[in-house]
N, C-alpha and C. Protein backbone atom coordinates (compact mmCIF):
# COMPACT_ATOMS: atom_id res chain seq x y z
N MET A 1 -9.94 19.57 -15.59
CA MET A 1 -11.17 18.93 -15.07
C MET A 1 -9.81 17.62 -14.33
N ARG A 2 -10.05 17.68 -13.28
CA ARG A 2 -8.71 16.73 -12.49
C ARG A 2 -9.58 15.55 -11.26
N LYS A 3 -8.92 14.31 -12.04
CA LYS A 3 -10.04 13.20 -11.70
C LYS A 3 -9.31 12.71 -10.48
N GLU A 4 -9.47 12.71 -9.71
CA GLU A 4 -9.11 12.01 -8.33
C GLU A 4 -8.70 10.79 -8.61
N LYS A 5 -7.46 10.58 -6.82
CA LYS A 5 -6.83 9.66 -7.33
C LYS A 5 -7.12 8.43 -6.68
N ARG A 6 -7.09 7.52 -7.79
CA ARG A 6 -7.19 6.16 -7.21
C ARG A 6 -6.67 5.91 -6.28
N PHE A 7 -5.27 5.76 -5.95
CA PHE A 7 -5.02 4.97 -4.09
C PHE A 7 -4.77 5.63 -3.24
N GLU A 8 -4.86 5.64 -1.79
CA GLU A 8 -5.16 6.92 -1.14
C GLU A 8 -3.43 5.56 0.20
N ALA A 9 -3.24 6.47 0.88
CA ALA A 9 -2.32 5.92 1.97
C ALA A 9 -2.34 6.33 3.10
N VAL A 10 -2.52 5.68 3.56
CA VAL A 10 -3.26 5.28 4.77
C VAL A 10 -2.53 4.66 5.75
N TYR A 11 -1.33 4.50 5.93
CA TYR A 11 0.01 4.05 6.58
C TYR A 11 0.97 4.37 6.20
N GLN A 12 1.82 4.97 6.63
CA GLN A 12 3.35 5.94 6.80
C GLN A 12 5.01 5.43 7.24
N GLU A 13 5.29 4.67 7.18
CA GLU A 13 6.85 4.44 8.78
C GLU A 13 8.29 4.91 7.93
N THR A 14 8.91 5.18 8.69
CA THR A 14 9.75 5.88 7.65
C THR A 14 10.75 5.90 8.32
N GLY A 15 12.16 5.27 7.69
CA GLY A 15 13.16 5.20 8.80
C GLY A 15 14.42 5.85 8.11
N MET A 16 15.51 6.00 8.44
CA MET A 16 16.85 6.72 7.47
C MET A 16 17.30 6.37 6.23
N ILE A 17 16.86 5.03 5.82
CA ILE A 17 16.79 4.56 4.84
C ILE A 17 15.90 4.17 3.81
N SER A 18 14.91 3.76 4.50
CA SER A 18 13.55 2.30 4.16
C SER A 18 12.41 3.51 4.84
N GLU A 19 11.53 2.69 4.12
CA GLU A 19 10.03 3.34 3.76
C GLU A 19 8.90 2.38 3.81
N LYS A 20 8.10 2.32 4.49
CA LYS A 20 7.21 1.06 4.52
C LYS A 20 5.86 2.21 4.82
N THR A 21 4.83 2.05 3.52
CA THR A 21 3.24 2.70 3.27
C THR A 21 2.69 1.73 3.09
N ILE A 22 1.60 1.87 3.12
CA ILE A 22 0.27 1.28 3.24
C ILE A 22 -0.23 1.86 2.01
N TYR A 23 -0.74 1.39 0.54
CA TYR A 23 -1.89 2.30 0.47
C TYR A 23 -3.50 1.41 -0.19
N VAL A 24 -3.94 1.88 -0.42
CA VAL A 24 -5.62 1.27 -0.31
C VAL A 24 -6.52 1.65 -2.58
N ASP A 25 -6.29 0.56 -2.32
CA ASP A 25 -6.77 1.22 -3.56
C ASP A 25 -8.53 1.79 -3.52
N LYS A 26 -8.80 3.44 -3.59
CA LYS A 26 -10.09 3.08 -3.40
C LYS A 26 -11.08 2.99 -4.58
N GLU A 27 -11.15 1.88 -5.48
CA GLU A 27 -12.16 0.93 -6.31
C GLU A 27 -12.46 -0.04 -5.97
N THR A 28 -11.59 -0.82 -5.67
CA THR A 28 -11.84 -2.92 -5.27
C THR A 28 -11.57 -2.31 -3.49
N GLY A 29 -10.60 -1.64 -2.72
CA GLY A 29 -10.48 -1.90 -1.43
C GLY A 29 -9.58 -2.27 -1.33
N VAL A 30 -8.57 -3.06 -2.37
CA VAL A 30 -7.50 -4.15 -1.71
C VAL A 30 -6.44 -3.25 -1.40
N ASN A 31 -5.92 -3.56 -0.31
CA ASN A 31 -4.74 -3.59 0.64
C ASN A 31 -3.61 -3.82 0.03
N TYR A 32 -2.48 -2.49 -0.20
CA TYR A 32 -0.85 -2.96 -0.74
C TYR A 32 0.06 -2.59 0.53
N LEU A 33 0.97 -3.12 0.61
CA LEU A 33 2.44 -2.51 0.80
C LEU A 33 3.39 -2.74 -0.78
N PHE A 34 3.78 -1.55 0.07
CA PHE A 34 4.80 -0.64 -0.11
C PHE A 34 6.45 -0.67 0.37
N ILE A 35 7.36 -0.85 -0.44
CA ILE A 35 8.93 -1.32 0.62
C ILE A 35 9.26 -0.46 -0.31
N ALA A 36 10.24 0.57 0.50
CA ALA A 36 11.14 1.34 -0.23
C ALA A 36 12.74 1.32 0.93
N SER A 37 13.98 0.38 0.16
CA SER A 37 14.60 0.48 0.58
C SER A 37 16.68 0.96 -0.32
N GLY A 38 17.19 2.14 0.24
CA GLY A 38 17.34 2.73 -0.31
C GLY A 38 17.47 3.34 -2.00
N VAL A 39 17.65 2.44 -2.84
CA VAL A 39 17.39 2.96 -4.40
C VAL A 39 16.64 1.39 -4.80
N SER A 40 16.54 0.60 -3.93
CA SER A 40 15.26 -0.79 -4.13
C SER A 40 13.57 -0.34 -3.66
N GLY A 41 13.26 -1.42 -4.11
CA GLY A 41 11.80 -1.25 -3.68
C GLY A 41 10.54 -2.53 -3.92
N GLY A 42 9.49 -2.63 -3.86
CA GLY A 42 8.61 -3.76 -4.26
C GLY A 42 7.50 -3.50 -3.82
N LEU A 43 6.26 -3.80 -4.19
CA LEU A 43 4.86 -3.75 -4.31
C LEU A 43 4.60 -4.87 -3.98
N THR A 44 3.42 -5.22 -2.89
CA THR A 44 2.86 -6.64 -2.97
C THR A 44 1.53 -6.46 -2.05
N PRO A 45 0.15 -7.15 -2.30
CA PRO A 45 -0.92 -7.25 -2.20
C PRO A 45 -0.74 -7.49 -0.58
N LEU A 46 -1.18 -6.72 0.29
CA LEU A 46 -1.81 -7.66 1.73
C LEU A 46 -2.73 -8.43 1.97
N LEU A 47 -1.69 -10.04 2.52
CA LEU A 47 -2.75 -10.93 2.98
C LEU A 47 -3.51 -11.38 3.97
N ASP A 48 -4.92 -11.53 4.46
CA ASP A 48 -4.90 -12.29 5.77
C ASP A 48 -4.61 -13.59 5.89
N ALA A 49 -4.60 -14.22 7.55
CA ALA A 49 -4.21 -15.11 7.70
C ALA A 49 -4.44 -16.14 6.41
N GLU A 50 -5.54 -16.63 5.63
CA GLU A 50 -6.39 -17.78 5.24
C GLU A 50 -5.79 -17.50 3.76
N GLY A 51 -4.80 -16.23 3.58
CA GLY A 51 -3.70 -15.96 2.09
C GLY A 51 -5.27 -15.32 0.96
N LYS A 52 -6.01 -14.38 1.42
CA LYS A 52 -6.60 -13.87 0.82
C LYS A 52 -6.72 -12.26 1.06
N PRO A 53 -6.50 -11.13 -0.31
CA PRO A 53 -5.74 -10.23 0.14
C PRO A 53 -7.26 -9.76 1.42
N VAL A 54 -6.41 -8.26 1.41
CA VAL A 54 -7.03 -7.63 2.98
C VAL A 54 -8.06 -6.28 2.53
N ILE A 55 -8.94 -6.11 2.50
CA ILE A 55 -9.83 -5.62 1.73
C ILE A 55 -10.66 -4.42 2.53
N THR A 56 -10.23 -3.10 2.66
CA THR A 56 -11.48 -2.09 2.74
C THR A 56 -12.15 -2.11 2.46
N LYS A 57 -13.19 -1.77 3.10
CA LYS A 57 -15.01 -0.94 3.04
C LYS A 57 -15.55 0.38 2.84
């Protein structure tokens, strides 16, 4: 039984040693930005101008 993936990559930008990807949580709609550079990386929710999470409906 295959379970559906919860996160979907909706945007990706790649460079020589870096990568930027936006993921959407299909259950909550919250958008996350993942940035990888070399062997380091980080994940954070995307925020709007008021500081609230960006939500895709």
